[in-house]
């Protein structure tokens, strides 16, 4: 069941989303050769907490980081580590969540590191476009949750 939010709840959701998005952008700016995923995670955590929010993922199910940071073939939920050092040609996925005023923001993006392979660029382009296909499907009158997945699958299966 979908619960329609009040204007006040939507305002609070926007705050959580803004903090999350800004933390993600900050993390993305740090994606450079020689930087560890732990350094990125520390910066994201500091920013979220400075905004008065809590990192959504920290401690969830025992997760030790404030963000999920995955490199290359890791799909999701990469654990930040001082031993995971970003290199030229990597693609780095960062997933951030921030909790404030009873709501979670959650956002992710993939960041290329310098010159990446054609295959990696195709992956980034396809996933970005499939996201937009899902958004378009969700905006249609009478759309259902399954329509989003069908639109994404339809695009990437071409």
N, C-alpha and C. Protein backbone atom coordinates (compact mmCIF):
# COMPACT_ATOMS: atom_id res chain seq x y z
N UNK A 1 0.83 -1.17 0.00
CA UNK A 1 0.00 0.00 0.00
C UNK A 1 0.88 1.25 0.00
N UNK A 2 0.51 2.20 -0.78
CA UNK A 2 1.24 3.47 -0.83
C UNK A 2 0.51 4.47 0.07
N UNK A 3 1.26 5.07 1.00
CA UNK A 3 0.69 6.06 1.90
C UNK A 3 1.04 7.44 1.37
N UNK A 4 0.03 8.23 1.09
CA UNK A 4 0.23 9.58 0.56
C UNK A 4 0.77 10.45 1.69
N UNK A 5 1.85 11.15 1.40
CA UNK A 5 2.51 12.00 2.40
C UNK A 5 1.87 13.38 2.45
N UNK A 6 1.91 13.99 3.62
CA UNK A 6 1.42 15.35 3.80
C UNK A 6 2.46 16.33 3.23
N UNK A 7 2.07 17.56 2.97
CA UNK A 7 3.06 18.55 2.53
C UNK A 7 4.23 18.69 3.51
N UNK A 8 3.95 18.62 4.81
CA UNK A 8 5.03 18.72 5.81
C UNK A 8 5.98 17.53 5.71
N UNK A 9 5.43 16.33 5.53
CA UNK A 9 6.27 15.14 5.38
C UNK A 9 7.13 15.24 4.11
N UNK A 10 6.55 15.72 3.06
CA UNK A 10 7.31 15.88 1.81
C UNK A 10 8.45 16.87 2.00
N UNK A 11 8.20 17.94 2.75
CA UNK A 11 9.26 18.92 3.06
C UNK A 11 10.40 18.24 3.81
N UNK A 12 10.07 17.40 4.79
CA UNK A 12 11.09 16.69 5.56
C UNK A 12 11.84 15.67 4.69
N UNK A 13 11.13 15.03 3.79
CA UNK A 13 11.77 14.09 2.87
C UNK A 13 12.77 14.82 1.96
N UNK A 14 12.41 16.01 1.55
CA UNK A 14 13.32 16.81 0.71
C UNK A 14 14.61 17.14 1.45
N UNK A 15 14.50 17.42 2.74
CA UNK A 15 15.70 17.72 3.53
C UNK A 15 16.61 16.49 3.55
N UNK A 16 16.05 15.32 3.82
CA UNK A 16 16.85 14.09 3.82
C UNK A 16 17.46 13.85 2.44
N UNK A 17 16.68 14.07 1.39
CA UNK A 17 17.18 13.89 0.03
C UNK A 17 18.28 14.87 -0.33
N UNK A 18 18.13 16.12 0.11
CA UNK A 18 19.15 17.13 -0.18
C UNK A 18 20.48 16.78 0.48
N UNK A 19 20.42 16.42 1.76
CA UNK A 19 21.65 16.06 2.47
C UNK A 19 22.30 14.85 1.80
N UNK A 20 21.49 13.87 1.45
CA UNK A 20 22.00 12.67 0.78
C UNK A 20 22.67 13.03 -0.54
N UNK A 21 21.99 13.81 -1.35
CA UNK A 21 22.54 14.20 -2.65
C UNK A 21 23.83 14.99 -2.53
N UNK A 22 23.87 15.90 -1.59
CA UNK A 22 25.09 16.70 -1.39
C UNK A 22 26.24 15.82 -0.91
N UNK A 23 25.94 14.87 -0.03
CA UNK A 23 26.99 13.95 0.45
C UNK A 23 27.50 13.09 -0.70
N UNK A 24 26.61 12.65 -1.57
CA UNK A 24 27.01 11.86 -2.74
C UNK A 24 27.90 12.68 -3.66
N UNK A 25 27.54 13.91 -3.93
CA UNK A 25 28.37 14.77 -4.77
C UNK A 25 29.75 14.99 -4.16
N UNK A 26 29.79 15.19 -2.86
CA UNK A 26 31.06 15.37 -2.16
C UNK A 26 31.92 14.12 -2.32
N UNK A 27 31.32 12.94 -2.13
CA UNK A 27 32.04 11.69 -2.32
C UNK A 27 32.54 11.55 -3.74
N UNK A 28 31.71 11.89 -4.70
CA UNK A 28 32.09 11.80 -6.11
C UNK A 28 33.27 12.70 -6.46
N UNK A 29 33.34 13.86 -5.84
CA UNK A 29 34.46 14.78 -6.09
C UNK A 29 35.78 14.19 -5.60
N UNK A 30 35.72 13.27 -4.65
CA UNK A 30 36.93 12.67 -4.10
C UNK A 30 37.44 11.48 -4.91
N UNK A 31 36.65 11.00 -5.85
CA UNK A 31 37.01 9.81 -6.62
C UNK A 31 38.15 10.16 -7.56
N UNK A 32 39.36 9.80 -7.12
CA UNK A 32 40.59 10.08 -7.87
C UNK A 32 41.60 8.98 -7.57
N UNK A 33 42.53 8.76 -8.48
CA UNK A 33 43.58 7.76 -8.21
C UNK A 33 44.30 8.07 -6.90
N UNK A 34 44.56 7.02 -6.12
CA UNK A 34 45.30 7.16 -4.88
C UNK A 34 44.45 7.37 -3.64
N UNK A 35 43.16 7.61 -3.82
CA UNK A 35 42.25 7.84 -2.69
C UNK A 35 41.65 6.50 -2.27
N UNK A 36 41.56 6.26 -0.96
CA UNK A 36 40.95 5.02 -0.47
C UNK A 36 39.44 5.21 -0.33
N UNK A 37 38.73 4.09 -0.39
CA UNK A 37 37.28 4.17 -0.20
C UNK A 37 36.95 4.58 1.24
N UNK A 38 37.82 4.31 2.17
CA UNK A 38 37.62 4.73 3.57
C UNK A 38 37.70 6.25 3.69
N UNK A 39 38.64 6.87 2.94
CA UNK A 39 38.73 8.33 2.97
C UNK A 39 37.44 8.96 2.47
N UNK A 40 36.87 8.39 1.41
CA UNK A 40 35.61 8.90 0.88
C UNK A 40 34.50 8.71 1.90
N UNK A 41 34.44 7.54 2.50
CA UNK A 41 33.42 7.24 3.50
C UNK A 41 33.52 8.19 4.69
N UNK A 42 34.72 8.46 5.16
CA UNK A 42 34.90 9.38 6.29
C UNK A 42 34.37 10.77 5.96
N UNK A 43 34.66 11.24 4.75
CA UNK A 43 34.20 12.58 4.33
C UNK A 43 32.68 12.62 4.24
N UNK A 44 32.08 11.56 3.69
CA UNK A 44 30.62 11.48 3.59
C UNK A 44 29.99 11.48 4.98
N UNK A 45 30.53 10.67 5.88
CA UNK A 45 29.99 10.60 7.24
C UNK A 45 30.07 11.96 7.93
N UNK A 46 31.22 12.61 7.83
CA UNK A 46 31.40 13.91 8.45
C UNK A 46 30.37 14.91 7.93
N UNK A 47 30.15 14.92 6.62
CA UNK A 47 29.21 15.86 6.03
C UNK A 47 27.79 15.60 6.53
N UNK A 48 27.35 14.33 6.48
CA UNK A 48 26.00 13.99 6.92
C UNK A 48 25.79 14.40 8.37
N UNK A 49 26.74 14.08 9.23
CA UNK A 49 26.61 14.41 10.65
C UNK A 49 26.67 15.92 10.88
N UNK A 50 27.48 16.64 10.09
CA UNK A 50 27.54 18.10 10.20
C UNK A 50 26.18 18.73 9.89
N UNK A 51 25.41 18.07 9.03
CA UNK A 51 24.08 18.56 8.66
C UNK A 51 23.02 18.18 9.69
N UNK A 52 23.42 17.48 10.75
CA UNK A 52 22.47 17.08 11.79
C UNK A 52 21.74 15.78 11.51
N UNK A 53 22.18 15.07 10.49
CA UNK A 53 21.56 13.79 10.12
C UNK A 53 22.45 12.63 10.57
N UNK A 54 21.96 11.42 10.37
CA UNK A 54 22.73 10.22 10.66
C UNK A 54 22.90 9.43 9.37
N UNK A 55 24.08 8.85 9.15
CA UNK A 55 24.25 7.99 7.97
C UNK A 55 23.31 6.77 8.09
N UNK A 56 22.45 6.59 7.10
CA UNK A 56 21.45 5.52 7.15
C UNK A 56 22.06 4.13 7.22
N UNK A 57 23.17 3.92 6.54
CA UNK A 57 23.73 2.58 6.42
C UNK A 57 24.62 2.19 7.59
N UNK A 58 25.16 3.16 8.31
CA UNK A 58 26.12 2.89 9.38
C UNK A 58 25.46 2.06 10.48
N UNK A 59 25.97 0.84 10.66
CA UNK A 59 25.45 -0.05 11.69
C UNK A 59 24.27 -0.89 11.25
N UNK A 60 23.68 -0.59 10.10
CA UNK A 60 22.53 -1.36 9.64
C UNK A 60 22.97 -2.78 9.31
N UNK A 61 22.42 -3.75 10.02
CA UNK A 61 22.80 -5.14 9.82
C UNK A 61 24.29 -5.38 10.06
N UNK A 62 24.90 -4.50 10.87
CA UNK A 62 26.32 -4.61 11.15
C UNK A 62 27.22 -3.94 10.13
N UNK A 63 26.64 -3.22 9.15
CA UNK A 63 27.46 -2.57 8.12
C UNK A 63 28.36 -1.51 8.77
N UNK A 64 29.68 -1.56 8.48
CA UNK A 64 30.61 -0.68 9.18
C UNK A 64 30.82 0.70 8.56
N UNK A 65 30.23 0.96 7.41
CA UNK A 65 30.49 2.23 6.73
C UNK A 65 29.27 3.14 6.70
N UNK A 66 29.52 4.39 6.34
CA UNK A 66 28.45 5.36 6.16
C UNK A 66 27.91 5.33 4.74
N UNK A 67 28.70 4.80 3.82
CA UNK A 67 28.31 4.68 2.41
C UNK A 67 28.76 3.32 1.90
N UNK A 68 28.07 2.85 0.90
CA UNK A 68 28.52 1.64 0.21
C UNK A 68 29.36 2.12 -0.97
N UNK A 69 30.60 1.65 -1.06
CA UNK A 69 31.50 2.10 -2.12
C UNK A 69 32.10 0.87 -2.78
N UNK A 70 31.76 0.69 -4.05
CA UNK A 70 32.19 -0.49 -4.80
C UNK A 70 33.05 -0.07 -5.98
N UNK A 71 34.05 -0.87 -6.27
CA UNK A 71 34.96 -0.58 -7.37
C UNK A 71 34.83 -1.67 -8.43
N UNK A 72 34.70 -1.24 -9.67
CA UNK A 72 34.67 -2.12 -10.84
C UNK A 72 33.60 -3.20 -10.75
N UNK A 73 34.00 -4.48 -10.70
CA UNK A 73 33.05 -5.58 -10.82
C UNK A 73 32.19 -5.79 -9.57
N UNK A 74 32.53 -5.16 -8.46
CA UNK A 74 31.65 -5.25 -7.29
C UNK A 74 30.32 -4.59 -7.66
N UNK A 75 29.24 -5.27 -7.40
CA UNK A 75 27.95 -4.74 -7.83
C UNK A 75 27.45 -3.67 -6.87
N UNK A 76 27.23 -4.04 -5.62
CA UNK A 76 26.72 -3.09 -4.62
C UNK A 76 27.24 -3.46 -3.24
N UNK A 77 27.03 -2.56 -2.33
CA UNK A 77 27.32 -2.77 -0.91
C UNK A 77 28.79 -3.02 -0.60
N UNK A 78 29.68 -2.41 -1.37
CA UNK A 78 31.10 -2.49 -1.08
C UNK A 78 31.40 -1.83 0.25
N UNK A 79 32.22 -2.51 1.05
CA UNK A 79 32.56 -1.99 2.37
C UNK A 79 33.79 -1.08 2.25
N UNK A 80 33.68 0.17 2.70
CA UNK A 80 34.81 1.09 2.63
C UNK A 80 36.02 0.53 3.40
N UNK A 81 37.21 0.75 2.85
CA UNK A 81 38.42 0.22 3.46
C UNK A 81 39.61 1.10 3.12
N UNK A 82 40.52 1.21 4.06
CA UNK A 82 41.76 1.95 3.80
C UNK A 82 42.65 1.18 2.84
N UNK A 83 42.33 -0.10 2.60
CA UNK A 83 43.12 -0.94 1.69
C UNK A 83 42.58 -0.92 0.26
N UNK A 84 41.40 -0.35 0.06
CA UNK A 84 40.82 -0.27 -1.29
C UNK A 84 41.19 1.09 -1.86
N UNK A 85 42.17 1.11 -2.73
CA UNK A 85 42.69 2.35 -3.30
C UNK A 85 42.20 2.48 -4.74
N UNK A 86 41.67 3.63 -5.07
CA UNK A 86 41.15 3.89 -6.41
C UNK A 86 42.31 4.08 -7.38
N UNK A 87 42.14 3.51 -8.57
CA UNK A 87 43.17 3.59 -9.60
C UNK A 87 42.59 4.17 -10.89
N UNK A 88 43.46 4.71 -11.71
CA UNK A 88 43.08 5.20 -13.04
C UNK A 88 42.37 4.08 -13.80
N UNK A 89 41.24 4.42 -14.44
CA UNK A 89 40.50 3.45 -15.23
C UNK A 89 39.40 2.73 -14.47
N UNK A 90 39.36 2.89 -13.14
CA UNK A 90 38.30 2.27 -12.34
C UNK A 90 36.97 2.97 -12.59
N UNK A 91 35.90 2.25 -12.28
CA UNK A 91 34.60 2.89 -12.10
C UNK A 91 34.20 2.62 -10.66
N UNK A 92 33.75 3.67 -9.98
CA UNK A 92 33.46 3.61 -8.55
C UNK A 92 31.99 3.95 -8.32
N UNK A 93 31.30 3.02 -7.68
CA UNK A 93 29.90 3.22 -7.34
C UNK A 93 29.80 3.64 -5.88
N UNK A 94 29.09 4.73 -5.64
CA UNK A 94 28.88 5.21 -4.27
C UNK A 94 27.38 5.27 -4.03
N UNK A 95 26.95 4.67 -2.91
CA UNK A 95 25.56 4.68 -2.49
C UNK A 95 25.52 5.32 -1.10
N UNK A 96 24.72 6.37 -0.96
CA UNK A 96 24.67 7.15 0.27
C UNK A 96 23.24 7.22 0.79
N UNK A 97 23.10 7.17 2.11
CA UNK A 97 21.81 7.37 2.74
C UNK A 97 21.97 8.27 3.95
N UNK A 98 21.00 9.17 4.15
CA UNK A 98 21.01 10.05 5.32
C UNK A 98 19.63 10.03 5.96
N UNK A 99 19.60 9.94 7.28
CA UNK A 99 18.34 9.89 8.03
C UNK A 99 18.21 11.14 8.89
N UNK A 100 17.08 11.83 8.71
CA UNK A 100 16.81 13.02 9.50
C UNK A 100 15.30 13.25 9.55
N UNK A 101 14.81 13.69 10.69
CA UNK A 101 13.38 14.02 10.88
C UNK A 101 12.46 12.86 10.50
N UNK A 102 12.92 11.63 10.74
CA UNK A 102 12.06 10.47 10.49
C UNK A 102 12.07 9.95 9.07
N UNK A 103 12.92 10.50 8.22
CA UNK A 103 12.96 10.06 6.82
C UNK A 103 14.39 9.80 6.36
N UNK A 104 14.51 8.83 5.46
CA UNK A 104 15.79 8.49 4.85
C UNK A 104 15.85 9.04 3.44
N UNK A 105 17.00 9.59 3.08
CA UNK A 105 17.31 9.85 1.68
C UNK A 105 18.22 8.71 1.23
N UNK A 106 18.21 8.39 -0.03
CA UNK A 106 19.06 7.31 -0.54
C UNK A 106 19.35 7.61 -2.00
N UNK A 107 20.63 7.65 -2.33
CA UNK A 107 21.02 7.99 -3.70
C UNK A 107 22.35 7.34 -4.03
N UNK A 108 22.51 7.00 -5.30
CA UNK A 108 23.75 6.36 -5.75
C UNK A 108 24.14 6.89 -7.12
N UNK A 109 25.42 6.77 -7.42
CA UNK A 109 25.93 7.15 -8.73
C UNK A 109 27.23 6.40 -8.99
N UNK A 110 27.59 6.34 -10.25
CA UNK A 110 28.84 5.70 -10.66
C UNK A 110 29.75 6.77 -11.24
N UNK A 111 31.00 6.75 -10.79
CA UNK A 111 31.97 7.77 -11.17
C UNK A 111 33.14 7.13 -11.90
N UNK A 112 33.43 7.59 -13.11
CA UNK A 112 34.62 7.08 -13.82
C UNK A 112 35.88 7.74 -13.28
N UNK A 113 36.97 7.00 -13.29
CA UNK A 113 38.25 7.53 -12.82
C UNK A 113 39.16 7.69 -14.03
N UNK A 114 39.28 8.93 -14.49
CA UNK A 114 40.13 9.19 -15.65
C UNK A 114 39.60 8.51 -16.90
N UNK A 115 40.52 7.98 -17.69
CA UNK A 115 40.16 7.31 -18.94
C UNK A 115 39.73 5.88 -18.59
N UNK A 116 38.46 5.56 -18.92
CA UNK A 116 37.94 4.23 -18.64
C UNK A 116 37.73 3.47 -19.94
N UNK A 117 37.54 2.18 -19.84
CA UNK A 117 37.34 1.35 -21.03
C UNK A 117 36.03 1.69 -21.72
N UNK A 118 35.94 1.36 -23.00
CA UNK A 118 34.71 1.55 -23.76
C UNK A 118 33.58 0.75 -23.11
N UNK A 119 33.90 -0.47 -22.69
CA UNK A 119 32.90 -1.33 -22.04
C UNK A 119 32.36 -0.69 -20.76
N UNK A 120 33.23 -0.12 -19.96
CA UNK A 120 32.80 0.53 -18.72
C UNK A 120 31.92 1.74 -19.03
N UNK A 121 32.28 2.51 -20.04
CA UNK A 121 31.48 3.68 -20.41
C UNK A 121 30.11 3.25 -20.92
N UNK A 122 30.07 2.17 -21.69
CA UNK A 122 28.78 1.65 -22.18
C UNK A 122 27.90 1.23 -21.01
N UNK A 123 28.49 0.61 -19.99
CA UNK A 123 27.74 0.21 -18.80
C UNK A 123 27.15 1.43 -18.10
N UNK A 124 27.96 2.45 -17.90
CA UNK A 124 27.50 3.67 -17.24
C UNK A 124 26.37 4.30 -18.05
N UNK A 125 26.54 4.40 -19.36
CA UNK A 125 25.52 5.02 -20.21
C UNK A 125 24.21 4.23 -20.19
N UNK A 126 24.32 2.90 -20.27
CA UNK A 126 23.12 2.05 -20.29
C UNK A 126 22.37 2.12 -18.97
N UNK A 127 23.08 2.11 -17.86
CA UNK A 127 22.39 2.16 -16.57
C UNK A 127 21.75 3.53 -16.34
N UNK A 128 22.42 4.58 -16.78
CA UNK A 128 21.84 5.93 -16.64
C UNK A 128 20.56 6.03 -17.48
N UNK A 129 20.62 5.59 -18.72
CA UNK A 129 19.45 5.68 -19.59
C UNK A 129 18.31 4.79 -19.07
N UNK A 130 18.64 3.61 -18.54
CA UNK A 130 17.59 2.73 -18.02
C UNK A 130 16.89 3.38 -16.82
N UNK A 131 17.64 4.14 -16.03
CA UNK A 131 17.04 4.89 -14.92
C UNK A 131 15.99 5.86 -15.46
N UNK A 132 16.35 6.62 -16.50
CA UNK A 132 15.41 7.59 -17.06
C UNK A 132 14.19 6.89 -17.67
N UNK A 133 14.39 5.73 -18.25
CA UNK A 133 13.26 4.95 -18.77
C UNK A 133 12.32 4.57 -17.63
N UNK A 134 12.88 4.17 -16.50
CA UNK A 134 12.07 3.84 -15.34
C UNK A 134 11.31 5.04 -14.81
N UNK A 135 11.95 6.20 -14.77
CA UNK A 135 11.29 7.42 -14.32
C UNK A 135 10.11 7.76 -15.24
N UNK A 136 10.33 7.66 -16.54
CA UNK A 136 9.24 7.94 -17.49
C UNK A 136 8.07 6.98 -17.27
N UNK A 137 8.35 5.72 -17.04
CA UNK A 137 7.30 4.73 -16.81
C UNK A 137 6.51 5.07 -15.55
N UNK A 138 7.20 5.54 -14.53
CA UNK A 138 6.54 5.86 -13.25
C UNK A 138 5.63 7.07 -13.37
N UNK A 139 5.89 7.93 -14.33
CA UNK A 139 5.12 9.16 -14.46
C UNK A 139 3.85 9.01 -15.30
N UNK A 140 3.66 7.85 -15.88
CA UNK A 140 2.46 7.63 -16.70
C UNK A 140 1.25 7.44 -15.80
N UNK A 141 0.10 7.99 -16.23
CA UNK A 141 -1.14 7.81 -15.48
C UNK A 141 -1.44 6.32 -15.33
N UNK A 142 -1.78 5.92 -14.12
CA UNK A 142 -2.13 4.54 -13.86
C UNK A 142 -0.93 3.61 -13.74
N UNK A 143 0.26 4.16 -13.72
CA UNK A 143 1.47 3.33 -13.64
C UNK A 143 1.51 2.56 -12.33
N UNK A 144 2.12 1.37 -12.41
CA UNK A 144 2.29 0.53 -11.23
C UNK A 144 3.79 0.32 -11.03
N UNK A 145 4.16 -0.10 -9.84
CA UNK A 145 5.58 -0.30 -9.51
C UNK A 145 6.24 -1.23 -10.53
N UNK A 146 5.55 -2.30 -10.92
CA UNK A 146 6.12 -3.26 -11.88
C UNK A 146 6.43 -2.64 -13.22
N UNK A 147 5.75 -1.54 -13.57
CA UNK A 147 6.02 -0.87 -14.85
C UNK A 147 7.43 -0.27 -14.89
N UNK A 148 7.93 0.12 -13.73
CA UNK A 148 9.28 0.70 -13.66
C UNK A 148 10.30 -0.38 -14.00
N UNK A 149 10.21 -1.51 -13.34
CA UNK A 149 11.14 -2.62 -13.61
C UNK A 149 11.03 -3.10 -15.05
N UNK A 150 9.81 -3.14 -15.57
CA UNK A 150 9.62 -3.59 -16.96
C UNK A 150 10.29 -2.62 -17.93
N UNK A 151 10.20 -1.32 -17.65
CA UNK A 151 10.82 -0.33 -18.53
C UNK A 151 12.34 -0.44 -18.48
N UNK A 152 12.89 -0.59 -17.29
CA UNK A 152 14.35 -0.75 -17.14
C UNK A 152 14.80 -2.01 -17.85
N UNK A 153 14.13 -3.11 -17.59
CA UNK A 153 14.50 -4.39 -18.23
C UNK A 153 14.38 -4.31 -19.74
N UNK A 154 13.31 -3.68 -20.20
CA UNK A 154 13.10 -3.54 -21.65
C UNK A 154 14.23 -2.78 -22.31
N UNK A 155 14.72 -1.75 -21.64
CA UNK A 155 15.82 -0.96 -22.21
C UNK A 155 17.13 -1.74 -22.22
N UNK A 156 17.50 -2.33 -21.10
CA UNK A 156 18.79 -2.99 -21.03
C UNK A 156 18.82 -4.32 -21.78
N UNK A 157 17.66 -4.87 -22.07
CA UNK A 157 17.61 -6.15 -22.80
C UNK A 157 17.69 -5.95 -24.30
N UNK A 158 17.63 -4.72 -24.78
CA UNK A 158 17.69 -4.46 -26.22
C UNK A 158 18.98 -4.93 -26.84
